[in-house]
């Protein structure tokens, strides 16, 4: 696990560790996918690496193979839940809407998606 001061108190690290309950829909050795508590579409699942990285840019710099593993897990979830048609969104920074500073991709689908910058 990449060590950052936030990693010890990180909600997603605690979900990955099984300390906080979540509805897990898929997992691999590298990543976990679980339902978003505030879904914005019929399918809204978060994919997170087991290792702590603050955001997608940090993850890409530190471990591009792990980023690829997240994308592949997102695709597998979308194939299972919404026929493989999905949007994968990574918010980076508070100004962009990131509220938990453990990199996570939002797998969103199950309906025709319009453009929304928010």
PDB file of N, CA and C in Angstrom:
ATOM      1  N   UNK A   1       0.853  -1.178   0.000  1.00  0.00           N
ATOM      2  CA  UNK A   1       0.000   0.000   0.000  1.00  0.00           C
ATOM      3  C   UNK A   1       0.892   1.232   0.000  1.00  0.00           C
ATOM      4  N   UNK A   2       0.639   2.159  -0.894  1.00  0.00           N
ATOM      5  CA  UNK A   2       1.387   3.401  -0.927  1.00  0.00           C
ATOM      6  C   UNK A   2       1.048   4.179   0.333  1.00  0.00           C
ATOM      7  N   UNK A   3       2.069   4.610   1.047  1.00  0.00           N
ATOM      8  CA  UNK A   3       1.836   5.275   2.319  1.00  0.00           C
ATOM      9  C   UNK A   3       1.619   6.769   2.123  1.00  0.00           C
ATOM     10  N   UNK A   4       0.499   7.246   2.593  1.00  0.00           N
ATOM     11  CA  UNK A   4       0.231   8.674   2.668  1.00  0.00           C
ATOM     12  C   UNK A   4      -0.416   8.918   4.011  1.00  0.00           C
ATOM     13  N   UNK A   5      -0.338  10.141   4.532  1.00  0.00           N
ATOM     14  CA  UNK A   5      -0.979  10.393   5.825  1.00  0.00           C
ATOM     15  C   UNK A   5      -2.455  10.027   5.831  1.00  0.00           C
ATOM     16  N   UNK A   6      -3.152  10.210   4.707  1.00  0.00           N
ATOM     17  CA  UNK A   6      -4.590   9.938   4.652  1.00  0.00           C
ATOM     18  C   UNK A   6      -4.894   8.445   4.610  1.00  0.00           C
ATOM     19  N   UNK A   7      -3.932   7.613   4.236  1.00  0.00           N
ATOM     20  CA  UNK A   7      -4.201   6.185   4.049  1.00  0.00           C
ATOM     21  C   UNK A   7      -4.713   5.526   5.327  1.00  0.00           C
ATOM     22  N   UNK A   8      -4.253   5.971   6.481  1.00  0.00           N
ATOM     23  CA  UNK A   8      -4.653   5.340   7.738  1.00  0.00           C
ATOM     24  C   UNK A   8      -6.116   5.612   8.094  1.00  0.00           C
ATOM     25  N   UNK A   9      -6.638   6.729   7.645  1.00  0.00           N
ATOM     26  CA  UNK A   9      -8.017   7.101   7.937  1.00  0.00           C
ATOM     27  C   UNK A   9      -8.911   7.036   6.705  1.00  0.00           C
ATOM     28  N   UNK A  10      -8.445   6.409   5.653  1.00  0.00           N
ATOM     29  CA  UNK A  10      -9.141   6.411   4.371  1.00  0.00           C
ATOM     30  C   UNK A  10     -10.345   5.464   4.377  1.00  0.00           C
ATOM     31  N   UNK A  11     -11.506   6.000   4.036  1.00  0.00           N
ATOM     32  CA  UNK A  11     -12.735   5.201   3.973  1.00  0.00           C
ATOM     33  C   UNK A  11     -12.578   4.019   3.020  1.00  0.00           C
ATOM     34  N   UNK A  12     -12.030   4.258   1.832  1.00  0.00           N
ATOM     35  CA  UNK A  12     -11.930   3.169   0.852  1.00  0.00           C
ATOM     36  C   UNK A  12     -10.903   2.129   1.271  1.00  0.00           C
ATOM     37  N   UNK A  13      -9.828   2.527   1.945  1.00  0.00           N
ATOM     38  CA  UNK A  13      -8.889   1.542   2.494  1.00  0.00           C
ATOM     39  C   UNK A  13      -9.599   0.661   3.527  1.00  0.00           C
ATOM     40  N   UNK A  14     -10.474   1.264   4.306  1.00  0.00           N
ATOM     41  CA  UNK A  14     -11.219   0.510   5.319  1.00  0.00           C
ATOM     42  C   UNK A  14     -12.246  -0.422   4.668  1.00  0.00           C
ATOM     43  N   UNK A  15     -12.852  -0.012   3.550  1.00  0.00           N
ATOM     44  CA  UNK A  15     -13.760  -0.897   2.813  1.00  0.00           C
ATOM     45  C   UNK A  15     -12.975  -2.069   2.248  1.00  0.00           C
ATOM     46  N   UNK A  16     -11.840  -1.789   1.608  1.00  0.00           N
ATOM     47  CA  UNK A  16     -10.999  -2.849   1.036  1.00  0.00           C
ATOM     48  C   UNK A  16     -10.578  -3.846   2.119  1.00  0.00           C
ATOM     49  N   UNK A  17     -10.271  -3.348   3.309  1.00  0.00           N
ATOM     50  CA  UNK A  17      -9.840  -4.204   4.419  1.00  0.00           C
ATOM     51  C   UNK A  17     -10.999  -4.963   5.073  1.00  0.00           C
ATOM     52  N   UNK A  18     -12.241  -4.640   4.694  1.00  0.00           N
ATOM     53  CA  UNK A  18     -13.399  -5.296   5.281  1.00  0.00           C
ATOM     54  C   UNK A  18     -13.838  -4.703   6.599  1.00  0.00           C
ATOM     55  N   UNK A  19     -13.287  -3.554   6.968  1.00  0.00           N
ATOM     56  CA  UNK A  19     -13.641  -2.903   8.231  1.00  0.00           C
ATOM     57  C   UNK A  19     -14.942  -2.111   8.131  1.00  0.00           C
ATOM     58  N   UNK A  20     -15.286  -1.680   6.926  1.00  0.00           N
ATOM     59  CA  UNK A  20     -16.514  -0.929   6.668  1.00  0.00           C
ATOM     60  C   UNK A  20     -17.307  -1.717   5.632  1.00  0.00           C
ATOM     61  N   UNK A  21     -18.583  -1.991   5.898  1.00  0.00           N
ATOM     62  CA  UNK A  21     -19.359  -2.782   4.942  1.00  0.00           C
ATOM     63  C   UNK A  21     -19.621  -2.038   3.639  1.00  0.00           C
ATOM     64  N   UNK A  22     -19.666  -2.799   2.568  1.00  0.00           N
ATOM     65  CA  UNK A  22     -20.007  -2.287   1.246  1.00  0.00           C
ATOM     66  C   UNK A  22     -20.602  -3.447   0.448  1.00  0.00           C
ATOM     67  N   UNK A  23     -21.384  -3.130  -0.555  1.00  0.00           N
ATOM     68  CA  UNK A  23     -21.937  -4.152  -1.434  1.00  0.00           C
ATOM     69  C   UNK A  23     -20.951  -4.383  -2.567  1.00  0.00           C
ATOM     70  N   UNK A  24     -20.096  -5.386  -2.374  1.00  0.00           N
ATOM     71  CA  UNK A  24     -19.062  -5.712  -3.349  1.00  0.00           C
ATOM     72  C   UNK A  24     -19.708  -6.487  -4.492  1.00  0.00           C
ATOM     73  N   UNK A  25     -19.436  -6.058  -5.724  1.00  0.00           N
ATOM     74  CA  UNK A  25     -19.995  -6.729  -6.896  1.00  0.00           C
ATOM     75  C   UNK A  25     -18.936  -7.501  -7.672  1.00  0.00           C
ATOM     76  N   UNK A  26     -17.660  -7.172  -7.472  1.00  0.00           N
ATOM     77  CA  UNK A  26     -16.573  -7.879  -8.143  1.00  0.00           C
ATOM     78  C   UNK A  26     -15.271  -7.515  -7.443  1.00  0.00           C
ATOM     79  N   UNK A  27     -14.299  -8.394  -7.561  1.00  0.00           N
ATOM     80  CA  UNK A  27     -12.985  -8.085  -7.028  1.00  0.00           C
ATOM     81  C   UNK A  27     -11.932  -8.935  -7.713  1.00  0.00           C
ATOM     82  N   UNK A  28     -10.727  -8.415  -7.691  1.00  0.00           N
ATOM     83  CA  UNK A  28      -9.564  -9.122  -8.206  1.00  0.00           C
ATOM     84  C   UNK A  28      -8.481  -9.028  -7.138  1.00  0.00           C
ATOM     85  N   UNK A  29      -7.335  -9.575  -7.424  1.00  0.00           N
ATOM     86  CA  UNK A  29      -6.212  -9.462  -6.493  1.00  0.00           C
ATOM     87  C   UNK A  29      -5.790  -8.004  -6.314  1.00  0.00           C
ATOM     88  N   UNK A  30      -6.061  -7.165  -7.326  1.00  0.00           N
ATOM     89  CA  UNK A  30      -5.601  -5.782  -7.322  1.00  0.00           C
ATOM     90  C   UNK A  30      -6.653  -4.748  -6.950  1.00  0.00           C
ATOM     91  N   UNK A  31      -7.932  -5.085  -7.104  1.00  0.00           N
ATOM     92  CA  UNK A  31      -8.970  -4.053  -7.006  1.00  0.00           C
ATOM     93  C   UNK A  31     -10.293  -4.628  -6.510  1.00  0.00           C
ATOM     94  N   UNK A  32     -11.151  -3.717  -6.040  1.00  0.00           N
ATOM     95  CA  UNK A  32     -12.476  -4.075  -5.531  1.00  0.00           C
ATOM     96  C   UNK A  32     -13.494  -3.143  -6.189  1.00  0.00           C
ATOM     97  N   UNK A  33     -14.646  -3.699  -6.549  1.00  0.00           N
ATOM     98  CA  UNK A  33     -15.748  -2.918  -7.109  1.00  0.00           C
ATOM     99  C   UNK A  33     -16.946  -3.043  -6.179  1.00  0.00           C
ATOM    100  N   UNK A  34     -17.514  -1.901  -5.800  1.00  0.00           N
ATOM    101  CA  UNK A  34     -18.672  -1.914  -4.903  1.00  0.00           C
ATOM    102  C   UNK A  34     -19.642  -0.808  -5.291  1.00  0.00           C
ATOM    103  N   UNK A  35     -20.896  -0.995  -4.907  1.00  0.00           N
ATOM    104  CA  UNK A  35     -21.955  -0.056  -5.277  1.00  0.00           C
ATOM    105  C   UNK A  35     -21.758   1.299  -4.598  1.00  0.00           C
ATOM    106  N   UNK A  36     -22.008   2.358  -5.364  1.00  0.00           N
ATOM    107  CA  UNK A  36     -21.974   3.716  -4.829  1.00  0.00           C
ATOM    108  C   UNK A  36     -23.196   3.895  -3.934  1.00  0.00           C
ATOM    109  N   UNK A  37     -23.017   4.563  -2.807  1.00  0.00           N
ATOM    110  CA  UNK A  37     -24.139   4.783  -1.878  1.00  0.00           C
ATOM    111  C   UNK A  37     -25.124   5.830  -2.377  1.00  0.00           C
ATOM    112  N   UNK A  38     -24.712   6.644  -3.353  1.00  0.00           N
ATOM    113  CA  UNK A  38     -25.580   7.684  -3.915  1.00  0.00           C
ATOM    114  C   UNK A  38     -25.584   7.531  -5.434  1.00  0.00           C
ATOM    115  N   UNK A  39     -26.223   6.463  -5.946  1.00  0.00           N
ATOM    116  CA  UNK A  39     -26.130   6.174  -7.381  1.00  0.00           C
ATOM    117  C   UNK A  39     -26.774   7.247  -8.242  1.00  0.00           C
ATOM    118  N   UNK A  40     -26.130   7.517  -9.383  1.00  0.00           N
ATOM    119  CA  UNK A  40     -26.610   8.509 -10.336  1.00  0.00           C
ATOM    120  C   UNK A  40     -27.156   7.868 -11.604  1.00  0.00           C
ATOM    121  N   UNK A  41     -27.159   6.536 -11.644  1.00  0.00           N
ATOM    122  CA  UNK A  41     -27.654   5.781 -12.802  1.00  0.00           C
ATOM    123  C   UNK A  41     -27.988   4.381 -12.298  1.00  0.00           C
ATOM    124  N   UNK A  42     -28.729   3.595 -13.084  1.00  0.00           N
ATOM    125  CA  UNK A  42     -29.059   2.235 -12.652  1.00  0.00           C
ATOM    126  C   UNK A  42     -27.822   1.405 -12.265  1.00  0.00           C
ATOM    127  N   UNK A  43     -26.736   1.577 -13.019  1.00  0.00           N
ATOM    128  CA  UNK A  43     -25.460   0.993 -12.618  1.00  0.00           C
ATOM    129  C   UNK A  43     -24.558   2.134 -12.191  1.00  0.00           C
ATOM    130  N   UNK A  44     -24.134   2.106 -10.948  1.00  0.00           N
ATOM    131  CA  UNK A  44     -23.156   3.086 -10.443  1.00  0.00           C
ATOM    132  C   UNK A  44     -22.316   2.357  -9.412  1.00  0.00           C
ATOM    133  N   UNK A  45     -21.156   1.916  -9.876  1.00  0.00           N
ATOM    134  CA  UNK A  45     -20.252   1.103  -9.074  1.00  0.00           C
ATOM    135  C   UNK A  45     -18.902   1.801  -9.032  1.00  0.00           C
ATOM    136  N   UNK A  46     -18.263   1.775  -7.875  1.00  0.00           N
ATOM    137  CA  UNK A  46     -16.923   2.331  -7.741  1.00  0.00           C
ATOM    138  C   UNK A  46     -15.899   1.214  -7.877  1.00  0.00           C
ATOM    139  N   UNK A  47     -14.844   1.468  -8.630  1.00  0.00           N
ATOM    140  CA  UNK A  47     -13.721   0.539  -8.711  1.00  0.00           C
ATOM    141  C   UNK A  47     -12.530   1.221  -8.047  1.00  0.00           C
ATOM    142  N   UNK A  48     -11.926   0.529  -7.078  1.00  0.00           N
ATOM    143  CA  UNK A  48     -10.812   1.096  -6.310  1.00  0.00           C
ATOM    144  C   UNK A  48      -9.679   0.086  -6.249  1.00  0.00           C
ATOM    145  N   UNK A  49      -8.449   0.567  -6.294  1.00  0.00           N
ATOM    146  CA  UNK A  49      -7.333  -0.356  -6.097  1.00  0.00           C
ATOM    147  C   UNK A  49      -7.225  -0.720  -4.618  1.00  0.00           C
ATOM    148  N   UNK A  50      -6.685  -1.877  -4.355  1.00  0.00           N
ATOM    149  CA  UNK A  50      -6.446  -2.264  -2.959  1.00  0.00           C
ATOM    150  C   UNK A  50      -5.358  -1.378  -2.339  1.00  0.00           C
ATOM    151  N   UNK A  51      -4.409  -0.943  -3.145  1.00  0.00           N
ATOM    152  CA  UNK A  51      -3.353  -0.036  -2.683  1.00  0.00           C
ATOM    153  C   UNK A  51      -3.880   1.389  -2.668  1.00  0.00           C
ATOM    154  N   UNK A  52      -3.417   2.161  -1.701  1.00  0.00           N
ATOM    155  CA  UNK A  52      -3.860   3.549  -1.581  1.00  0.00           C
ATOM    156  C   UNK A  52      -3.032   4.454  -2.491  1.00  0.00           C
ATOM    157  N   UNK A  53      -3.729   5.183  -3.348  1.00  0.00           N
ATOM    158  CA  UNK A  53      -3.175   6.264  -4.160  1.00  0.00           C
ATOM    159  C   UNK A  53      -4.219   7.368  -4.105  1.00  0.00           C
ATOM    160  N   UNK A  54      -3.783   8.608  -3.983  1.00  0.00           N
ATOM    161  CA  UNK A  54      -4.727   9.710  -3.752  1.00  0.00           C
ATOM    162  C   UNK A  54      -5.675   9.939  -4.916  1.00  0.00           C
ATOM    163  N   UNK A  55      -5.167   9.881  -6.148  1.00  0.00           N
ATOM    164  CA  UNK A  55      -6.014  10.163  -7.296  1.00  0.00           C
ATOM    165  C   UNK A  55      -5.474   9.450  -8.525  1.00  0.00           C
ATOM    166  N   UNK A  56      -6.196   9.556  -9.628  1.00  0.00           N
ATOM    167  CA  UNK A  56      -5.847   8.805 -10.834  1.00  0.00           C
ATOM    168  C   UNK A  56      -4.511   9.265 -11.416  1.00  0.00           C
ATOM    169  N   UNK A  57      -4.184  10.538 -11.297  1.00  0.00           N
ATOM    170  CA  UNK A  57      -2.908  11.020 -11.813  1.00  0.00           C
ATOM    171  C   UNK A  57      -1.745  10.424 -11.016  1.00  0.00           C
ATOM    172  N   UNK A  58      -1.891  10.375  -9.689  1.00  0.00           N
ATOM    173  CA  UNK A  58      -0.859   9.751  -8.855  1.00  0.00           C
ATOM    174  C   UNK A  58      -0.723   8.273  -9.187  1.00  0.00           C
ATOM    175  N   UNK A  59      -1.850   7.592  -9.368  1.00  0.00           N
ATOM    176  CA  UNK A  59      -1.816   6.169  -9.702  1.00  0.00           C
ATOM    177  C   UNK A  59      -1.141   5.943 -11.047  1.00  0.00           C
ATOM    178  N   UNK A  60      -1.480   6.739 -12.045  1.00  0.00           N
ATOM    179  CA  UNK A  60      -0.882   6.582 -13.371  1.00  0.00           C
ATOM    180  C   UNK A  60       0.631   6.748 -13.315  1.00  0.00           C
ATOM    181  N   UNK A  61       1.099   7.697 -12.518  1.00  0.00           N
ATOM    182  CA  UNK A  61       2.538   7.927 -12.391  1.00  0.00           C
ATOM    183  C   UNK A  61       3.225   6.798 -11.622  1.00  0.00           C
ATOM    184  N   UNK A  62       2.563   6.292 -10.589  1.00  0.00           N
ATOM    185  CA  UNK A  62       3.178   5.296  -9.719  1.00  0.00           C
ATOM    186  C   UNK A  62       3.069   3.867 -10.237  1.00  0.00           C
ATOM    187  N   UNK A  63       1.922   3.538 -10.856  1.00  0.00           N
ATOM    188  CA  UNK A  63       1.677   2.134 -11.220  1.00  0.00           C
ATOM    189  C   UNK A  63       0.681   2.045 -12.373  1.00  0.00           C
ATOM    190  N   UNK A  64       1.145   2.298 -13.601  1.00  0.00           N
ATOM    191  CA  UNK A  64       0.220   2.269 -14.739  1.00  0.00           C
ATOM    192  C   UNK A  64      -0.459   0.913 -14.932  1.00  0.00           C
ATOM    193  N   UNK A  65       0.197  -0.172 -14.547  1.00  0.00           N
ATOM    194  CA  UNK A  65      -0.428  -1.491 -14.669  1.00  0.00           C
ATOM    195  C   UNK A  65      -1.626  -1.617 -13.732  1.00  0.00           C
ATOM    196  N   UNK A  66      -1.542  -1.021 -12.560  1.00  0.00           N
ATOM    197  CA  UNK A  66      -2.666  -1.050 -11.629  1.00  0.00           C
ATOM    198  C   UNK A  66      -3.820  -0.209 -12.164  1.00  0.00           C
ATOM    199  N   UNK A  67      -3.517   0.909 -12.802  1.00  0.00           N
ATOM    200  CA  UNK A  67      -4.571   1.705 -13.437  1.00  0.00           C
ATOM    201  C   UNK A  67      -5.268   0.881 -14.514  1.00  0.00           C
ATOM    202  N   UNK A  68      -4.493   0.156 -15.312  1.00  0.00           N
ATOM    203  CA  UNK A  68      -5.086  -0.710 -16.340  1.00  0.00           C
ATOM    204  C   UNK A  68      -5.968  -1.776 -15.696  1.00  0.00           C
ATOM    205  N   UNK A  69      -5.546  -2.320 -14.559  1.00  0.00           N
ATOM    206  CA  UNK A  69      -6.357  -3.323 -13.858  1.00  0.00           C
ATOM    207  C   UNK A  69      -7.689  -2.735 -13.406  1.00  0.00           C
ATOM    208  N   UNK A  70      -7.688  -1.462 -12.974  1.00  0.00           N
ATOM    209  CA  UNK A  70      -8.941  -0.812 -12.585  1.00  0.00           C
ATOM    210  C   UNK A  70      -9.876  -0.679 -13.773  1.00  0.00           C
ATOM    211  N   UNK A  71      -9.325  -0.269 -14.897  1.00  0.00           N
ATOM    212  CA  UNK A  71     -10.147  -0.102 -16.100  1.00  0.00           C
ATOM    213  C   UNK A  71     -10.729  -1.447 -16.524  1.00  0.00           C
ATOM    214  N   UNK A  72      -9.932  -2.499 -16.468  1.00  0.00           N
ATOM    215  CA  UNK A  72     -10.429  -3.828 -16.843  1.00  0.00           C
ATOM    216  C   UNK A  72     -11.512  -4.306 -15.889  1.00  0.00           C
ATOM    217  N   UNK A  73     -11.363  -4.044 -14.598  1.00  0.00           N
ATOM    218  CA  UNK A  73     -12.412  -4.417 -13.652  1.00  0.00           C
ATOM    219  C   UNK A  73     -13.674  -3.610 -13.929  1.00  0.00           C
ATOM    220  N   UNK A  74     -13.520  -2.321 -14.240  1.00  0.00           N
ATOM    221  CA  UNK A  74     -14.675  -1.503 -14.601  1.00  0.00           C
ATOM    222  C   UNK A  74     -15.401  -2.067 -15.805  1.00  0.00           C
ATOM    223  N   UNK A  75     -14.648  -2.491 -16.805  1.00  0.00           N
ATOM    224  CA  UNK A  75     -15.273  -3.082 -17.993  1.00  0.00           C
ATOM    225  C   UNK A  75     -16.001  -4.373 -17.637  1.00  0.00           C
ATOM    226  N   UNK A  76     -15.406  -5.197 -16.802  1.00  0.00           N
ATOM    227  CA  UNK A  76     -16.050  -6.456 -16.404  1.00  0.00           C
ATOM    228  C   UNK A  76     -17.356  -6.191 -15.659  1.00  0.00           C
ATOM    229  N   UNK A  77     -17.356  -5.208 -14.776  1.00  0.00           N
ATOM    230  CA  UNK A  77     -18.574  -4.837 -14.049  1.00  0.00           C
ATOM    231  C   UNK A  77     -19.635  -4.362 -15.032  1.00  0.00           C
ATOM    232  N   UNK A  78     -19.251  -3.523 -15.979  1.00  0.00           N
ATOM    233  CA  UNK A  78     -20.209  -2.997 -16.964  1.00  0.00           C
ATOM    234  C   UNK A  78     -20.763  -4.109 -17.845  1.00  0.00           C
ATOM    235  N   UNK A  79     -19.935  -5.053 -18.222  1.00  0.00           N
ATOM    236  CA  UNK A  79     -20.438  -6.176 -19.020  1.00  0.00           C
ATOM    237  C   UNK A  79     -21.448  -6.987 -18.224  1.00  0.00           C
ATOM    238  N   UNK A  80     -21.184  -7.187 -16.960  1.00  0.00           N
ATOM    239  CA  UNK A  80     -22.056  -7.964 -16.078  1.00  0.00           C
ATOM    240  C   UNK A  80     -23.362  -7.233 -15.787  1.00  0.00           C
ATOM    241  N   UNK A  81     -23.303  -5.911 -15.636  1.00  0.00           N
ATOM    242  CA  UNK A  81     -24.448  -5.163 -15.126  1.00  0.00           C
ATOM    243  C   UNK A  81     -25.244  -4.394 -16.179  1.00  0.00           C
ATOM    244  N   UNK A  82     -24.591  -3.965 -17.256  1.00  0.00           N
ATOM    245  CA  UNK A  82     -25.311  -3.088 -18.195  1.00  0.00           C
ATOM    246  C   UNK A  82     -24.879  -3.303 -19.643  1.00  0.00           C
ATOM    247  N   UNK A  83     -24.567  -4.525 -19.984  1.00  0.00           N
ATOM    248  CA  UNK A  83     -24.292  -4.854 -21.374  1.00  0.00           C
ATOM    249  C   UNK A  83     -23.016  -4.264 -21.943  1.00  0.00           C
ATOM    250  N   UNK A  84     -22.119  -3.792 -21.094  1.00  0.00           N
ATOM    251  CA  UNK A  84     -20.837  -3.288 -21.558  1.00  0.00           C
ATOM    252  C   UNK A  84     -20.830  -1.856 -22.042  1.00  0.00           C
ATOM    253  N   UNK A  85     -21.956  -1.163 -21.957  1.00  0.00           N
ATOM    254  CA  UNK A  85     -22.022   0.252 -22.333  1.00  0.00           C
ATOM    255  C   UNK A  85     -21.929   1.067 -21.051  1.00  0.00           C
ATOM    256  N   UNK A  86     -20.865   1.837 -20.923  1.00  0.00           N
ATOM    257  CA  UNK A  86     -20.648   2.510 -19.641  1.00  0.00           C
ATOM    258  C   UNK A  86     -19.776   3.739 -19.802  1.00  0.00           C
ATOM    259  N   UNK A  87     -19.808   4.547 -18.777  1.00  0.00           N
ATOM    260  CA  UNK A  87     -18.901   5.680 -18.630  1.00  0.00           C
ATOM    261  C   UNK A  87     -18.032   5.370 -17.419  1.00  0.00           C
ATOM    262  N   UNK A  88     -16.738   5.629 -17.534  1.00  0.00           N
ATOM    263  CA  UNK A  88     -15.815   5.452 -16.415  1.00  0.00           C
ATOM    264  C   UNK A  88     -15.235   6.822 -16.092  1.00  0.00           C
ATOM    265  N   UNK A  89     -15.560   7.343 -14.908  1.00  0.00           N
ATOM    266  CA  UNK A  89     -15.200   8.707 -14.531  1.00  0.00           C
ATOM    267  C   UNK A  89     -14.277   8.676 -13.317  1.00  0.00           C
ATOM    268  N   UNK A  90     -13.172   9.399 -13.434  1.00  0.00           N
ATOM    269  CA  UNK A  90     -12.254   9.607 -12.308  1.00  0.00           C
ATOM    270  C   UNK A  90     -12.243  11.093 -11.997  1.00  0.00           C
ATOM    271  N   UNK A  91     -12.716  11.491 -10.830  1.00  0.00           N
ATOM    272  CA  UNK A  91     -12.619  12.882 -10.393  1.00  0.00           C
ATOM    273  C   UNK A  91     -11.269  13.049  -9.707  1.00  0.00           C
ATOM    274  N   UNK A  92     -10.576  14.135 -10.020  1.00  0.00           N
ATOM    275  CA  UNK A  92      -9.247  14.364  -9.450  1.00  0.00           C
ATOM    276  C   UNK A  92      -9.220  15.726  -8.790  1.00  0.00           C
ATOM    277  N   UNK A  93      -9.237  15.730  -7.464  1.00  0.00           N
ATOM    278  CA  UNK A  93      -9.209  16.966  -6.686  1.00  0.00           C
ATOM    279  C   UNK A  93     -10.592  17.409  -6.260  1.00  0.00           C
ATOM    280  N   UNK A  94     -10.625  18.134  -5.171  1.00  0.00           N
ATOM    281  CA  UNK A  94     -11.896  18.590  -4.605  1.00  0.00           C
ATOM    282  C   UNK A  94     -12.674  19.468  -5.579  1.00  0.00           C
ATOM    283  N   UNK A  95     -12.005  20.322  -6.317  1.00  0.00           N
ATOM    284  CA  UNK A  95     -12.680  21.210  -7.265  1.00  0.00           C
ATOM    285  C   UNK A  95     -13.375  20.419  -8.372  1.00  0.00           C
ATOM    286  N   UNK A  96     -12.895  19.192  -8.641  1.00  0.00           N
ATOM    287  CA  UNK A  96     -13.489  18.348  -9.680  1.00  0.00           C
ATOM    288  C   UNK A  96     -14.532  17.394  -9.110  1.00  0.00           C
ATOM    289  N   UNK A  97     -14.776  17.474  -7.802  1.00  0.00           N
ATOM    290  CA  UNK A  97     -15.798  16.642  -7.192  1.00  0.00           C
ATOM    291  C   UNK A  97     -15.282  15.435  -6.438  1.00  0.00           C
ATOM    292  N   UNK A  98     -13.964  15.269  -6.324  1.00  0.00           N
ATOM    293  CA  UNK A  98     -13.444  14.137  -5.565  1.00  0.00           C
ATOM    294  C   UNK A  98     -13.666  14.400  -4.083  1.00  0.00           C
ATOM    295  N   UNK A  99     -14.337  13.468  -3.412  1.00  0.00           N
ATOM    296  CA  UNK A  99     -14.627  13.649  -1.983  1.00  0.00           C
ATOM    297  C   UNK A  99     -13.895  12.628  -1.115  1.00  0.00           C
ATOM    298  N   UNK A 100     -13.471  11.512  -1.692  1.00  0.00           N
ATOM    299  CA  UNK A 100     -12.649  10.536  -0.982  1.00  0.00           C
ATOM    300  C   UNK A 100     -11.328  10.480  -1.738  1.00  0.00           C
ATOM    301  N   UNK A 101     -10.239  10.732  -1.033  1.00  0.00           N
ATOM    302  CA  UNK A 101      -8.946  10.872  -1.699  1.00  0.00           C
ATOM    303  C   UNK A 101      -8.178   9.554  -1.708  1.00  0.00           C
ATOM    304  N   UNK A 102      -8.863   8.562  -2.254  1.00  0.00           N
ATOM    305  CA  UNK A 102      -8.326   7.248  -2.625  1.00  0.00           C
ATOM    306  C   UNK A 102      -8.857   7.074  -4.037  1.00  0.00           C
ATOM    307  N   UNK A 103      -7.970   6.921  -5.010  1.00  0.00           N
ATOM    308  CA  UNK A 103      -8.401   6.888  -6.397  1.00  0.00           C
ATOM    309  C   UNK A 103      -9.564   5.916  -6.569  1.00  0.00           C
ATOM    310  N   UNK A 104     -10.583   6.349  -7.302  1.00  0.00           N
ATOM    311  CA  UNK A 104     -11.724   5.495  -7.587  1.00  0.00           C
ATOM    312  C   UNK A 104     -12.367   5.931  -8.896  1.00  0.00           C
ATOM    313  N   UNK A 105     -12.725   4.939  -9.665  1.00  0.00           N
ATOM    314  CA  UNK A 105     -13.440   5.191 -10.901  1.00  0.00           C
ATOM    315  C   UNK A 105     -14.914   4.893 -10.703  1.00  0.00           C
ATOM    316  N   UNK A 106     -15.757   5.753 -11.247  1.00  0.00           N
ATOM    317  CA  UNK A 106     -17.198   5.543 -11.210  1.00  0.00           C
ATOM    318  C   UNK A 106     -17.601   4.838 -12.497  1.00  0.00           C
ATOM    319  N   UNK A 107     -18.083   3.616 -12.398  1.00  0.00           N
ATOM    320  CA  UNK A 107     -18.630   2.892 -13.545  1.00  0.00           C
ATOM    321  C   UNK A 107     -20.116   3.224 -13.568  1.00  0.00           C
ATOM    322  N   UNK A 108     -20.534   3.962 -14.589  1.00  0.00           N
ATOM    323  CA  UNK A 108     -21.902   4.454 -14.666  1.00  0.00           C
ATOM    324  C   UNK A 108     -22.515   3.966 -15.977  1.00  0.00           C
ATOM    325  N   UNK A 109     -23.714   3.394 -15.893  1.00  0.00           N
ATOM    326  CA  UNK A 109     -24.383   2.918 -17.094  1.00  0.00           C
ATOM    327  C   UNK A 109     -25.787   2.441 -16.778  1.00  0.00           C
ATOM    328  N   UNK A 110     -26.354   1.694 -17.715  1.00  0.00           N
ATOM    329  CA  UNK A 110     -27.691   1.162 -17.532  1.00  0.00           C
ATOM    330  C   UNK A 110     -28.792   2.086 -18.023  1.00  0.00           C
ATOM    331  N   UNK A 111     -28.416   3.216 -18.593  1.00  0.00           N
ATOM    332  CA  UNK A 111     -29.340   4.170 -19.166  1.00  0.00           C
ATOM    333  C   UNK A 111     -28.587   4.977 -20.201  1.00  0.00           C
ATOM    334  N   UNK A 112     -29.295   5.637 -21.089  1.00  0.00           N
ATOM    335  CA  UNK A 112     -28.619   6.498 -22.049  1.00  0.00           C
ATOM    336  C   UNK A 112     -28.068   7.694 -21.275  1.00  0.00           C
ATOM    337  N   UNK A 113     -26.775   7.904 -21.380  1.00  0.00           N
ATOM    338  CA  UNK A 113     -26.115   8.945 -20.610  1.00  0.00           C
ATOM    339  C   UNK A 113     -25.955  10.214 -21.448  1.00  0.00           C
ATOM    340  N   UNK A 114     -26.382  11.322 -20.899  1.00  0.00           N
ATOM    341  CA  UNK A 114     -26.151  12.615 -21.526  1.00  0.00           C
ATOM    342  C   UNK A 114     -24.875  13.207 -20.968  1.00  0.00           C
ATOM    343  N   UNK A 115     -24.447  14.288 -21.528  1.00  0.00           N
ATOM    344  CA  UNK A 115     -23.235  14.947 -21.037  1.00  0.00           C
ATOM    345  C   UNK A 115     -23.578  15.776 -19.812  1.00  0.00           C
ATOM    346  N   UNK A 116     -22.798  15.622 -18.756  1.00  0.00           N
ATOM    347  CA  UNK A 116     -22.965  16.439 -17.564  1.00  0.00           C
ATOM    348  C   UNK A 116     -21.585  16.665 -16.972  1.00  0.00           C
ATOM    349  N   UNK A 117     -21.118  17.903 -16.946  1.00  0.00           N
ATOM    350  CA  UNK A 117     -19.775  18.153 -16.403  1.00  0.00           C
ATOM    351  C   UNK A 117     -19.708  18.042 -14.890  1.00  0.00           C
ATOM    352  N   UNK A 118     -20.844  17.906 -14.222  1.00  0.00           N
ATOM    353  CA  UNK A 118     -20.844  17.850 -12.746  1.00  0.00           C
ATOM    354  C   UNK A 118     -20.768  16.428 -12.260  1.00  0.00           C
TER     355      UNK A 118
END
